[in-house]
Amino acid sequence: MTDPTSPPAGPTWKRLLLVIVTALVTLVLLQSLINSWNQPQVVSQLELYQTDLLLQSSAWKFNLGEPPGGSGEDLERLRQGLLGKDPVATAQQQYEQVQGRASTNLGRLLNTPREAGQPLGQRQQSAAAQQRQLIDQIDLGLGLMETYQGQVEVALDRWRNLAIRSTTGTDLAHTANLLTRLWQDNRTEPGDEEWLQSNLDGWFQYRALDRLYGVAKRSEDRLRLQTQEQGIAVDRLVKLVLISTVPAIAGLAGVGLLLGLLGQWLWQRQGSLLAGQSQSPWVIPWTGETIWEVLVLGFFFIGQIALPILLAGLGLSTADLGSRQRAFLSLGYYLVMAGGGLTVLWWCLRLYRPLPTGLFTLKASWRGVLWGLGGYLVALPLMFGVALLNQQLWQGQGGSNPLLQTVLEEKDPIALGVFFVTAALAAPLFEETLFRGFLLPSLSRYMRLPWAIGLSGFIFAAAHLSLSEILPLSLLGMVLGFVYSRSRNLLAPMVLHSLWNGATMVGLLILGS
């Protein structure tokens, strides 16, 4: 940790301005983190989407009329291995868990401390409405799962209560009354079929339509529906395998790689990849004030204050834009933020040029790619474990990256492509240059490398402005920092970051489709 002579500190007015901007940025960041406290996580929606895939895949059946030991029984065992013995009961349990978390979150929102007689804030009102709607929508689905398992009276009670209490719109109440009539009165009315097709999706729509066709004695339509569901079930099963089996295999590969690295460390100690003793420390000519300037001005001020004010002044709001316009606005926003941040970085480091060897090294090499791929595989099992712990800590609240929900619900392929470019290409290039290329080596001047990796990972996580993401993103940031500290090539963490964001985007695309 060489400490060469640095240029003299800037004038007093410059420091005073930096203090004022820092105070403003701190207030904005704290407000954003506090606002995320009672915000629901998108993970609950992801769980329901994956559960819906399981339900639709459960329609995949075989002709078991063959003698014992026939291929039909083999295929049925394969089906049970992929879906479980009772996928509907499994899905019902998962829906109930998500509903329980939503009810807990709603109670916390409604009991948020505030002055007597004061209504909830706008963000809290929006979050509470989302939780109410989620609870009501789940009740519709739970009732259909209960009728499928023969618990008709339980389902009827659930739908009656939903129709009475529903405050999230008349559509849910009308759907609940329609389902009650189908199962209780065995009676259909004109327009029922169109309503169910418009207000129910996937497995739930098929169950309701199957009941409607049965009550109306439309046997041909019922047979057509069952045939159609079989074809869709195969497609959903393939997607279910992709988003569950493939990550599990990659995670197992990561466990094997991690165990191999630990074994090498136990055998070779200082000569192992984990030890990295052969790496010389970075030579950092700038001081902590430069770190302060780059982070506050180049990242937080531009991204969280300057650009939002600019958009507001231009009258641009994502709520008023179409899918492609939102996607291109997000990409443009990120490119402007990255361009501004890199400009501030260049300006603050211009006095130290030429920079010491080893800083901001980015070169194309298979070694860099392999470090990035290996880091991704190792990160998978670690992140799986932290995700389980994080879920227990936050119980579905704490906020999430809003881009996840947007991509999950997006249907336009061009918009999805633009979002993918933003997350899998633009974000890794800029964030790795800033957090690993600049921040990590800079911190290593003032502390030991492991502490610098940990602190830079925490700052990286906090920059995403969601309390629930701090723990998992800190871990990911530390893996990124470790990979960069050992490879000394920014290509490695960029590859890792791109793989992580890209795989997340592909998973969301599969679920949302």
Protein backbone atom coordinates (compact mmCIF):
# COMPACT_ATOMS: atom_id res chain seq x y z
CA MET A 1 0.00 0.00 0.00
CA THR A 2 2.43 2.59 -1.23
CA ASP A 3 1.63 6.18 -0.24
CA PRO A 4 3.31 8.49 -2.76
CA THR A 5 3.16 12.23 -2.47
CA SER A 6 -0.23 13.55 -3.54
CA PRO A 7 -1.09 16.93 -5.06
CA PRO A 8 -2.15 19.57 -2.59
CA ALA A 9 -5.73 19.51 -1.37
CA GLY A 10 -8.31 21.58 -3.19
CA PRO A 11 -9.44 25.08 -2.05
CA THR A 12 -11.72 25.52 0.95
CA TRP A 13 -14.74 26.53 -1.18
CA LYS A 14 -14.44 23.29 -3.11
CA ARG A 15 -14.51 21.24 0.07
CA LEU A 16 -17.44 23.26 1.41
CA LEU A 17 -19.37 22.62 -1.81
CA LEU A 18 -18.52 18.92 -1.58
CA VAL A 19 -19.79 18.82 2.02
CA ILE A 20 -23.08 20.44 0.99
CA VAL A 21 -23.56 18.04 -1.93
CA THR A 22 -22.66 15.11 0.30
CA ALA A 23 -25.28 16.15 2.86
CA LEU A 24 -27.90 16.45 0.11
CA VAL A 25 -26.96 13.07 -1.39
CA THR A 26 -27.02 11.46 2.06
CA LEU A 27 -30.54 12.74 2.70
CA VAL A 28 -31.76 11.42 -0.66
CA LEU A 29 -30.13 8.01 -0.15
CA LEU A 30 -31.46 7.65 3.39
CA GLN A 31 -34.94 8.63 2.25
CA SER A 32 -34.80 6.06 -0.57
CA LEU A 33 -33.66 3.30 1.79
CA ILE A 34 -36.30 4.25 4.37
CA ASN A 35 -39.00 4.23 1.68
CA SER A 36 -37.94 0.72 0.67
CA TRP A 37 -38.48 -0.52 4.25
CA ASN A 38 -42.17 -1.28 3.74
CA GLN A 39 -42.03 -1.85 -0.01
CA PRO A 40 -42.82 -5.42 -1.16
CA GLN A 41 -40.12 -7.44 -2.82
CA VAL A 42 -40.61 -8.72 -6.34
CA VAL A 43 -39.51 -12.15 -5.06
CA SER A 44 -43.11 -12.91 -4.09
CA GLN A 45 -44.23 -12.30 -7.64
CA LEU A 46 -41.38 -14.46 -8.93
CA GLU A 47 -42.44 -17.30 -6.64
CA LEU A 48 -46.02 -17.11 -7.94
CA TYR A 49 -44.88 -17.06 -11.57
CA GLN A 50 -42.74 -20.14 -10.99
CA THR A 51 -45.59 -21.81 -9.12
CA ASP A 52 -47.89 -21.10 -12.06
CA LEU A 53 -45.41 -22.88 -14.32
CA LEU A 54 -45.57 -25.86 -11.96
CA LEU A 55 -49.38 -25.86 -12.07
CA GLN A 56 -49.55 -25.66 -15.86
CA SER A 57 -46.89 -28.36 -16.18
CA SER A 58 -48.97 -30.62 -13.93
CA ALA A 59 -51.41 -31.13 -16.82
CA TRP A 60 -48.69 -33.18 -18.58
CA LYS A 61 -50.00 -36.73 -18.28
CA PHE A 62 -49.47 -40.13 -19.91
CA ASN A 63 -51.53 -43.11 -20.88
CA LEU A 64 -50.92 -45.49 -18.00
CA GLY A 65 -53.00 -48.31 -19.42
CA GLU A 66 -49.90 -50.34 -20.23
CA PRO A 67 -48.77 -53.45 -18.37
CA PRO A 68 -46.60 -52.91 -15.28
CA GLY A 69 -43.08 -51.92 -16.22
CA GLY A 70 -44.20 -50.30 -19.49
CA SER A 71 -42.85 -47.02 -20.80
CA GLY A 72 -45.95 -45.18 -19.54
CA GLU A 73 -45.07 -45.94 -15.94
CA ASP A 74 -41.49 -44.90 -16.58
CA LEU A 75 -42.70 -41.59 -17.95
CA GLU A 76 -45.02 -41.12 -14.99
CA ARG A 77 -42.11 -41.65 -12.62
CA LEU A 78 -40.21 -39.03 -14.64
CA ARG A 79 -43.20 -36.69 -14.31
CA GLN A 80 -43.29 -37.16 -10.55
CA GLY A 81 -39.57 -36.59 -10.35
CA LEU A 82 -39.92 -33.27 -12.15
CA LEU A 83 -43.18 -32.06 -10.62
CA GLY A 84 -43.57 -34.00 -7.37
CA LYS A 85 -46.32 -36.41 -6.42
CA ASP A 86 -48.93 -33.69 -5.82
CA PRO A 87 -47.93 -30.47 -7.60
CA VAL A 88 -51.30 -28.80 -6.94
CA ALA A 89 -50.95 -29.28 -3.16
CA THR A 90 -47.39 -27.99 -3.37
CA ALA A 91 -48.55 -24.94 -5.33
CA GLN A 92 -51.33 -24.30 -2.81
CA GLN A 93 -48.83 -24.29 0.03
CA GLN A 94 -46.59 -21.83 -1.82
CA TYR A 95 -49.54 -19.54 -2.60
CA GLU A 96 -50.57 -19.58 1.06
CA GLN A 97 -47.02 -18.65 2.12
CA VAL A 98 -46.94 -15.69 -0.27
CA GLN A 99 -50.39 -14.60 0.91
CA GLY A 100 -49.26 -14.82 4.53
CA ARG A 101 -46.27 -12.57 3.82
CA ALA A 102 -48.49 -10.13 1.94
CA SER A 103 -50.90 -9.97 4.91
CA THR A 104 -47.99 -9.33 7.26
CA ASN A 105 -46.64 -6.59 5.00
CA LEU A 106 -50.08 -4.98 4.75
CA GLY A 107 -50.42 -4.97 8.53
CA ARG A 108 -47.02 -3.31 8.88
CA LEU A 109 -47.96 -0.66 6.31
CA LEU A 110 -51.26 0.13 8.02
CA ASN A 111 -49.58 0.28 11.42
CA THR A 112 -46.74 2.53 10.31
CA PRO A 113 -46.23 5.20 12.99
CA ARG A 114 -47.67 8.55 11.89
CA GLU A 115 -49.47 11.50 13.41
CA ALA A 116 -53.04 10.91 14.53
CA GLY A 117 -55.51 11.38 11.72
CA GLN A 118 -52.82 11.57 9.06
CA PRO A 119 -53.34 9.29 6.02
CA LEU A 120 -50.67 7.02 4.62
CA GLY A 121 -48.13 8.62 2.33
CA GLN A 122 -48.42 8.15 -1.42
CA ARG A 123 -45.78 5.40 -1.55
CA GLN A 124 -47.35 3.59 1.39
CA GLN A 125 -50.82 3.85 -0.14
CA SER A 126 -49.53 2.38 -3.40
CA ALA A 127 -47.74 -0.44 -1.57
CA ALA A 128 -50.82 -1.19 0.55
CA ALA A 129 -53.03 -1.32 -2.55
CA GLN A 130 -50.59 -3.74 -4.19
CA GLN A 131 -50.64 -6.01 -1.15
CA ARG A 132 -54.46 -5.97 -0.96
CA GLN A 133 -54.75 -6.81 -4.63
CA LEU A 134 -52.20 -9.62 -4.27
CA ILE A 135 -54.12 -11.09 -1.31
CA ASP A 136 -57.41 -10.98 -3.22
CA GLN A 137 -55.95 -12.45 -6.40
CA ILE A 138 -54.39 -15.28 -4.43
CA ASP A 139 -57.77 -16.04 -2.84
CA LEU A 140 -59.27 -16.56 -6.29
CA GLY A 141 -56.50 -19.01 -7.17
CA LEU A 142 -56.59 -20.82 -3.83
CA GLY A 143 -60.30 -21.45 -4.29
CA LEU A 144 -59.72 -23.08 -7.68
CA MET A 145 -56.96 -25.25 -6.21
CA GLU A 146 -59.29 -26.29 -3.39
CA THR A 147 -62.08 -27.29 -5.81
CA TYR A 148 -59.53 -29.32 -7.80
CA GLN A 149 -58.71 -31.23 -4.61
CA GLY A 150 -62.36 -31.77 -3.69
CA GLN A 151 -62.61 -29.02 -1.05
CA VAL A 152 -65.55 -27.30 -2.71
CA GLU A 153 -67.20 -25.87 0.42
CA VAL A 154 -63.91 -24.36 1.58
CA ALA A 155 -63.49 -22.71 -1.84
CA LEU A 156 -67.06 -21.37 -1.83
CA ASP A 157 -66.56 -19.76 1.59
CA ARG A 158 -63.32 -18.21 0.36
CA TRP A 159 -64.96 -16.72 -2.76
CA ARG A 160 -67.99 -15.41 -0.85
CA ASN A 161 -65.72 -13.61 1.63
CA LEU A 162 -63.63 -12.23 -1.22
CA ALA A 163 -66.69 -10.85 -3.01
CA ILE A 164 -67.84 -9.14 0.19
CA ARG A 165 -64.55 -7.58 1.26
CA SER A 166 -62.87 -6.89 -2.08
CA THR A 167 -61.78 -3.27 -2.23
CA THR A 168 -59.32 -3.65 -5.10
CA GLY A 169 -61.92 -3.46 -7.87
CA THR A 170 -65.23 -4.90 -8.98
CA ASP A 171 -63.56 -7.30 -11.42
CA LEU A 172 -62.26 -9.54 -8.64
CA ALA A 173 -65.63 -9.52 -6.88
CA HIS A 174 -67.45 -10.36 -10.13
CA THR A 175 -65.03 -13.22 -10.84
CA ALA A 176 -65.51 -14.59 -7.31
CA ASN A 177 -69.31 -14.46 -7.72
CA LEU A 178 -69.08 -16.15 -11.13
CA LEU A 179 -66.96 -19.00 -9.76
CA THR A 180 -69.33 -19.38 -6.80
CA ARG A 181 -72.26 -19.71 -9.20
CA LEU A 182 -70.48 -22.31 -11.34
CA TRP A 183 -69.63 -24.58 -8.40
CA GLN A 184 -72.62 -23.92 -6.15
CA ASP A 185 -75.54 -23.42 -8.53
CA ASN A 186 -74.20 -25.37 -11.56
CA ARG A 187 -75.45 -22.50 -13.71
CA THR A 188 -73.91 -20.45 -16.50
CA GLU A 189 -74.85 -17.07 -17.95
CA PRO A 190 -74.07 -15.37 -21.26
CA GLY A 191 -70.64 -13.76 -21.22
CA ASP A 192 -69.17 -16.10 -18.57
CA GLU A 193 -66.70 -17.67 -20.99
CA GLU A 194 -65.36 -14.33 -22.23
CA TRP A 195 -65.08 -13.02 -18.69
CA LEU A 196 -63.06 -16.00 -17.48
CA GLN A 197 -60.77 -15.78 -20.50
CA SER A 198 -60.12 -12.10 -19.78
CA ASN A 199 -59.73 -12.24 -15.99
CA LEU A 200 -58.00 -15.57 -15.31
CA ASP A 201 -54.71 -16.90 -16.63
CA GLY A 202 -52.99 -20.22 -17.11
CA TRP A 203 -53.99 -23.21 -15.01
CA PHE A 204 -56.69 -21.21 -13.22
CA GLN A 205 -58.36 -20.23 -16.47
CA TYR A 206 -58.34 -23.86 -17.65
CA ARG A 207 -59.91 -25.08 -14.40
CA ALA A 208 -62.69 -22.48 -14.55
CA LEU A 209 -63.39 -23.07 -18.25
CA ASP A 210 -63.36 -26.84 -17.74
CA ARG A 211 -66.05 -26.40 -15.08
CA LEU A 212 -68.05 -24.03 -17.29
CA TYR A 213 -67.98 -26.44 -20.25
CA GLY A 214 -68.93 -29.31 -17.96
CA VAL A 215 -71.89 -27.44 -16.48
CA ALA A 216 -73.01 -26.30 -19.94
CA LYS A 217 -72.55 -29.86 -21.29
CA ARG A 218 -70.24 -28.63 -24.04
CA SER A 219 -68.27 -31.86 -24.33
CA GLU A 220 -66.50 -30.98 -27.59
CA ASP A 221 -65.26 -27.68 -26.19
CA ARG A 222 -64.17 -29.44 -23.03
CA LEU A 223 -62.17 -32.03 -25.01
CA ARG A 224 -60.61 -29.28 -27.11
CA LEU A 225 -59.65 -27.41 -23.94
CA GLN A 226 -57.99 -30.49 -22.42
CA THR A 227 -56.04 -31.16 -25.63
CA GLN A 228 -54.89 -27.54 -25.74
CA GLU A 229 -53.83 -27.68 -22.10
CA GLN A 230 -51.74 -30.79 -22.76
CA GLY A 231 -49.80 -29.00 -25.50
CA ILE A 232 -49.20 -25.95 -23.33
CA ALA A 233 -48.14 -28.15 -20.41
CA VAL A 234 -45.17 -29.48 -22.40
CA ASP A 235 -44.00 -25.94 -23.18
CA ARG A 236 -44.37 -24.91 -19.53
CA LEU A 237 -42.49 -27.99 -18.35
CA VAL A 238 -39.54 -27.11 -20.57
CA LYS A 239 -39.51 -23.59 -19.10
CA LEU A 240 -39.80 -24.96 -15.57
CA VAL A 241 -36.77 -27.17 -16.17
CA LEU A 242 -34.82 -24.23 -17.59
CA ILE A 243 -35.40 -21.93 -14.61
CA SER A 244 -34.98 -24.59 -11.92
CA THR A 245 -32.84 -27.48 -13.14
CA VAL A 246 -30.27 -25.46 -15.10
CA PRO A 247 -29.45 -23.08 -12.19
CA ALA A 248 -29.33 -26.08 -9.84
CA ILE A 249 -26.77 -27.84 -12.08
CA ALA A 250 -24.72 -24.64 -12.36
CA GLY A 251 -24.95 -24.24 -8.58
CA LEU A 252 -23.65 -27.78 -8.05
CA ALA A 253 -20.77 -27.00 -10.41
CA GLY A 254 -20.09 -23.90 -8.30
CA VAL A 255 -20.06 -26.00 -5.11
CA GLY A 256 -17.55 -28.35 -6.72
CA LEU A 257 -15.36 -25.46 -7.83
CA LEU A 258 -15.54 -23.84 -4.40
CA LEU A 259 -14.56 -27.10 -2.69
CA GLY A 260 -11.69 -27.48 -5.16
CA LEU A 261 -10.43 -23.98 -4.36
CA LEU A 262 -10.65 -24.66 -0.63
CA GLY A 263 -8.79 -27.94 -1.13
CA GLN A 264 -6.05 -26.16 -3.08
CA TRP A 265 -5.76 -23.57 -0.32
CA LEU A 266 -5.41 -26.28 2.34
CA TRP A 267 -2.74 -28.00 0.22
CA GLN A 268 -0.75 -25.05 -1.12
CA ARG A 269 -1.69 -22.24 1.26
CA GLN A 270 0.22 -19.15 0.08
CA GLY A 271 0.53 -20.44 -3.48
CA SER A 272 -3.19 -21.06 -3.92
CA LEU A 273 -5.64 -19.00 -5.95
CA LEU A 274 -7.51 -18.01 -2.78
CA ALA A 275 -4.37 -16.70 -1.12
CA GLY A 276 -3.17 -14.63 -4.05
CA GLN A 277 0.09 -13.70 -2.33
CA SER A 278 1.87 -13.25 -5.64
CA GLN A 279 -0.18 -10.15 -6.43
CA SER A 280 1.57 -6.86 -5.69
CA PRO A 281 -0.47 -4.08 -4.04
CA TRP A 282 -1.88 -1.30 -6.19
CA VAL A 283 -0.04 2.02 -6.13
CA ILE A 284 -2.63 4.71 -5.43
CA PRO A 285 -1.43 8.33 -5.82
CA TRP A 286 -4.71 10.03 -4.85
CA THR A 287 -6.20 10.51 -1.39
CA GLY A 288 -9.51 9.79 0.26
CA GLU A 289 -10.82 13.18 -0.89
CA THR A 290 -10.65 11.98 -4.49
CA ILE A 291 -12.62 8.84 -3.58
CA TRP A 292 -15.17 11.08 -1.92
CA GLU A 293 -15.48 13.34 -4.98
CA VAL A 294 -15.87 10.49 -7.49
CA LEU A 295 -18.52 8.62 -5.50
CA VAL A 296 -20.57 11.60 -4.38
CA LEU A 297 -20.40 13.70 -7.55
CA GLY A 298 -19.76 11.10 -10.24
CA PHE A 299 -22.25 8.48 -9.11
CA PHE A 300 -24.78 9.45 -6.47
CA PHE A 301 -25.32 13.13 -7.31
CA ILE A 302 -25.66 12.59 -11.06
CA GLY A 303 -27.77 9.43 -10.79
CA GLN A 304 -30.03 10.31 -7.85
CA ILE A 305 -30.38 14.09 -8.01
CA ALA A 306 -29.25 15.74 -11.25
CA LEU A 307 -30.87 13.35 -13.74
CA PRO A 308 -34.22 13.04 -11.91
CA ILE A 309 -34.41 16.87 -11.77
CA LEU A 310 -33.58 17.01 -15.49
CA LEU A 311 -36.29 14.48 -16.37
CA ALA A 312 -38.82 16.31 -14.24
CA GLY A 313 -37.91 19.58 -15.95
CA LEU A 314 -38.40 17.97 -19.36
CA GLY A 315 -41.76 16.58 -18.23
CA LEU A 316 -40.70 12.98 -18.84
CA SER A 317 -42.44 10.32 -16.76
CA THR A 318 -42.32 6.57 -17.31
CA ALA A 319 -46.01 6.37 -16.39
CA ASP A 320 -46.89 8.31 -19.56
CA LEU A 321 -44.69 6.27 -21.92
CA GLY A 322 -45.21 3.07 -23.87
CA SER A 323 -43.15 -0.10 -23.44
CA ARG A 324 -40.44 0.73 -25.96
CA GLN A 325 -40.26 4.35 -24.88
CA ARG A 326 -39.73 3.27 -21.25
CA ALA A 327 -37.04 0.84 -22.30
CA PHE A 328 -35.12 3.38 -24.39
CA LEU A 329 -35.54 6.01 -21.66
CA SER A 330 -34.03 3.59 -19.12
CA LEU A 331 -31.12 2.85 -21.43
CA GLY A 332 -30.59 6.55 -22.19
CA TYR A 333 -30.79 7.41 -18.49
CA TYR A 334 -28.15 4.83 -17.65
CA LEU A 335 -25.85 5.87 -20.51
CA VAL A 336 -26.03 9.53 -19.48
CA MET A 337 -25.38 8.58 -15.84
CA ALA A 338 -22.44 6.39 -16.88
CA GLY A 339 -21.06 9.09 -19.18
CA GLY A 340 -21.33 11.70 -16.43
CA GLY A 341 -19.76 9.41 -13.85
CA LEU A 342 -16.84 8.46 -16.09
CA THR A 343 -16.30 12.14 -16.95
CA VAL A 344 -16.08 13.02 -13.25
CA LEU A 345 -13.71 10.08 -12.73
CA TRP A 346 -11.46 11.25 -15.58
CA TRP A 347 -11.51 14.86 -14.30
CA CYS A 348 -10.58 13.86 -10.75
CA LEU A 349 -7.71 11.60 -11.88
CA ARG A 350 -6.32 13.87 -14.61
CA LEU A 351 -3.70 15.34 -12.24
CA TYR A 352 -2.25 11.89 -11.61
CA ARG A 353 -1.66 10.89 -15.21
CA PRO A 354 0.11 8.80 -16.27
CA LEU A 355 -1.54 6.42 -13.81
CA PRO A 356 0.57 3.76 -12.10
CA THR A 357 0.74 0.38 -13.81
CA GLY A 358 -2.06 -2.05 -12.98
CA LEU A 359 -4.92 0.43 -12.61
CA PHE A 360 -8.01 0.15 -14.85
CA THR A 361 -6.49 -2.76 -16.75
CA LEU A 362 -8.94 -4.15 -19.31
CA LYS A 363 -7.60 -6.64 -21.81
CA ALA A 364 -9.16 -9.43 -23.84
CA SER A 365 -7.89 -12.78 -22.61
CA TRP A 366 -9.22 -16.26 -21.98
CA ARG A 367 -7.83 -16.02 -18.45
CA GLY A 368 -10.09 -13.05 -17.75
CA VAL A 369 -13.11 -14.85 -19.19
CA LEU A 370 -12.39 -17.97 -17.12
CA TRP A 371 -12.03 -15.92 -13.94
CA GLY A 372 -15.39 -14.32 -14.66
CA LEU A 373 -17.08 -17.65 -15.43
CA GLY A 374 -15.52 -19.30 -12.37
CA GLY A 375 -16.60 -16.40 -10.18
CA TYR A 376 -20.15 -16.71 -11.49
CA LEU A 377 -20.32 -20.43 -10.69
CA VAL A 378 -18.93 -19.89 -7.19
CA ALA A 379 -21.33 -17.00 -6.58
CA LEU A 380 -24.40 -19.14 -7.40
CA PRO A 381 -24.44 -21.43 -4.33
CA LEU A 382 -23.31 -18.58 -2.06
CA MET A 383 -26.13 -16.35 -3.32
CA PHE A 384 -28.68 -19.18 -3.00
CA GLY A 385 -27.77 -19.55 0.66
CA VAL A 386 -27.85 -15.82 1.35
CA ALA A 387 -31.20 -15.53 -0.48
CA LEU A 388 -32.75 -18.03 1.94
CA LEU A 389 -31.37 -16.12 4.92
CA ASN A 390 -32.46 -12.81 3.42
CA GLN A 391 -36.01 -14.08 2.94
CA GLN A 392 -36.22 -15.03 6.60
CA LEU A 393 -34.93 -11.61 7.63
CA TRP A 394 -37.20 -9.46 5.46
CA GLN A 395 -40.27 -11.69 4.97
CA GLY A 396 -41.05 -10.32 1.51
CA GLN A 397 -40.51 -6.62 2.24
CA GLY A 398 -37.55 -4.24 1.91
CA GLY A 399 -38.05 -3.28 -1.74
CA SER A 400 -36.49 -4.55 -4.96
CA ASN A 401 -34.98 -3.20 -8.13
CA PRO A 402 -38.00 -1.78 -10.04
CA LEU A 403 -36.50 -3.04 -13.30
CA LEU A 404 -37.24 -6.63 -12.22
CA GLN A 405 -40.99 -6.05 -12.04
CA THR A 406 -40.95 -4.10 -15.30
CA VAL A 407 -39.16 -6.88 -17.19
CA LEU A 408 -41.36 -9.55 -15.60
CA GLU A 409 -44.50 -7.90 -16.95
CA GLU A 410 -43.08 -6.69 -20.26
CA LYS A 411 -44.25 -8.45 -23.45
CA ASP A 412 -42.70 -6.36 -26.22
CA PRO A 413 -39.57 -8.16 -27.59
CA ILE A 414 -37.82 -4.94 -28.62
CA ALA A 415 -38.36 -3.41 -25.19
CA LEU A 416 -37.05 -6.59 -23.56
CA GLY A 417 -33.98 -6.47 -25.80
CA VAL A 418 -33.25 -2.89 -24.75
CA PHE A 419 -33.68 -3.78 -21.06
CA PHE A 420 -31.28 -6.70 -21.59
CA VAL A 421 -28.65 -4.40 -23.12
CA THR A 422 -29.02 -2.03 -20.17
CA ALA A 423 -28.67 -4.73 -17.50
CA ALA A 424 -26.24 -7.16 -19.11
CA LEU A 425 -23.93 -4.79 -20.99
CA ALA A 426 -24.19 -1.14 -19.91
CA ALA A 427 -24.39 -1.81 -16.16
CA PRO A 428 -21.39 -4.19 -15.95
CA LEU A 429 -19.17 -1.89 -18.02
CA PHE A 430 -19.83 1.22 -15.93
CA GLU A 431 -20.25 -0.28 -12.46
CA GLU A 432 -17.17 -2.49 -12.69
CA THR A 433 -15.06 0.43 -13.88
CA LEU A 434 -16.24 2.51 -10.94
CA PHE A 435 -16.57 0.03 -8.06
CA ARG A 436 -13.82 -2.45 -8.91
CA GLY A 437 -11.54 -0.44 -11.21
CA PHE A 438 -11.51 2.68 -9.03
CA LEU A 439 -13.07 2.18 -5.60
CA LEU A 440 -11.52 -1.15 -4.58
CA PRO A 441 -7.88 -0.21 -5.33
CA SER A 442 -8.45 3.22 -3.77
CA LEU A 443 -9.70 1.70 -0.50
CA SER A 444 -6.75 -0.71 -0.45
CA ARG A 445 -4.51 2.30 0.21
CA TYR A 446 -6.14 2.76 3.63
CA MET A 447 -6.96 -0.80 4.71
CA ARG A 448 -6.03 -4.41 4.12
CA LEU A 449 -7.33 -5.89 0.86
CA PRO A 450 -10.02 -8.16 2.44
CA TRP A 451 -11.50 -5.16 4.24
CA ALA A 452 -11.35 -3.10 1.05
CA ILE A 453 -13.20 -5.88 -0.82
CA GLY A 454 -15.86 -6.00 1.88
CA LEU A 455 -16.38 -2.22 2.10
CA SER A 456 -16.48 -1.75 -1.68
CA GLY A 457 -19.02 -4.59 -1.89
CA PHE A 458 -21.21 -2.91 0.74
CA ILE A 459 -21.08 0.46 -1.03
CA PHE A 460 -21.95 -1.31 -4.30
CA ALA A 461 -24.99 -2.90 -2.61
CA ALA A 462 -26.17 0.30 -0.89
CA ALA A 463 -26.04 2.10 -4.25
CA HIS A 464 -28.97 -0.05 -5.41
CA LEU A 465 -31.22 1.68 -2.80
CA SER A 466 -33.13 -1.37 -1.53
CA LEU A 467 -32.69 -2.55 2.04
CA SER A 468 -33.54 -6.15 1.21
CA GLU A 469 -30.81 -6.23 -1.47
CA ILE A 470 -27.96 -5.00 0.71
CA LEU A 471 -27.00 -8.43 2.07
CA PRO A 472 -27.07 -10.41 -1.22
CA LEU A 473 -25.56 -7.62 -3.32
CA SER A 474 -22.80 -7.07 -0.74
CA LEU A 475 -21.89 -10.73 -1.15
CA LEU A 476 -22.00 -10.45 -4.94
CA GLY A 477 -19.88 -7.29 -4.75
CA MET A 478 -17.32 -9.10 -2.62
CA VAL A 479 -17.12 -11.97 -5.13
CA LEU A 480 -16.66 -9.41 -7.90
CA GLY A 481 -13.95 -7.68 -5.86
CA PHE A 482 -12.17 -10.96 -5.13
CA VAL A 483 -12.22 -11.92 -8.81
CA TYR A 484 -10.77 -8.55 -9.80
CA SER A 485 -8.12 -8.56 -7.08
CA ARG A 486 -6.87 -11.96 -8.27
CA SER A 487 -7.20 -11.51 -12.03
CA ARG A 488 -6.13 -7.85 -12.15
CA ASN A 489 -8.22 -7.57 -15.31
CA LEU A 490 -11.53 -5.69 -15.36
CA LEU A 491 -12.76 -8.12 -18.00
CA ALA A 492 -13.18 -10.79 -15.30
CA PRO A 493 -15.67 -8.94 -13.04
CA MET A 494 -17.39 -7.53 -16.14
CA VAL A 495 -17.97 -11.07 -17.45
CA LEU A 496 -19.22 -12.20 -14.02
CA HIS A 497 -21.51 -9.19 -13.66
CA SER A 498 -22.84 -9.60 -17.20
CA LEU A 499 -23.52 -13.32 -16.67
CA TRP A 500 -25.36 -12.60 -13.42
CA ASN A 501 -27.55 -9.83 -14.82
CA GLY A 502 -28.05 -11.67 -18.11
CA ALA A 503 -29.13 -14.90 -16.42
CA THR A 504 -31.53 -12.91 -14.22
CA MET A 505 -33.03 -11.23 -17.28
CA VAL A 506 -33.43 -14.55 -19.12
CA GLY A 507 -35.10 -16.06 -16.05
CA LEU A 508 -37.53 -13.13 -15.87
CA LEU A 509 -38.21 -13.44 -19.59
CA ILE A 510 -39.03 -17.15 -19.25
CA LEU A 511 -41.29 -16.54 -16.25
CA GLY A 512 -43.03 -13.56 -17.80
CA SER A 513 -43.67 -15.33 -21.09
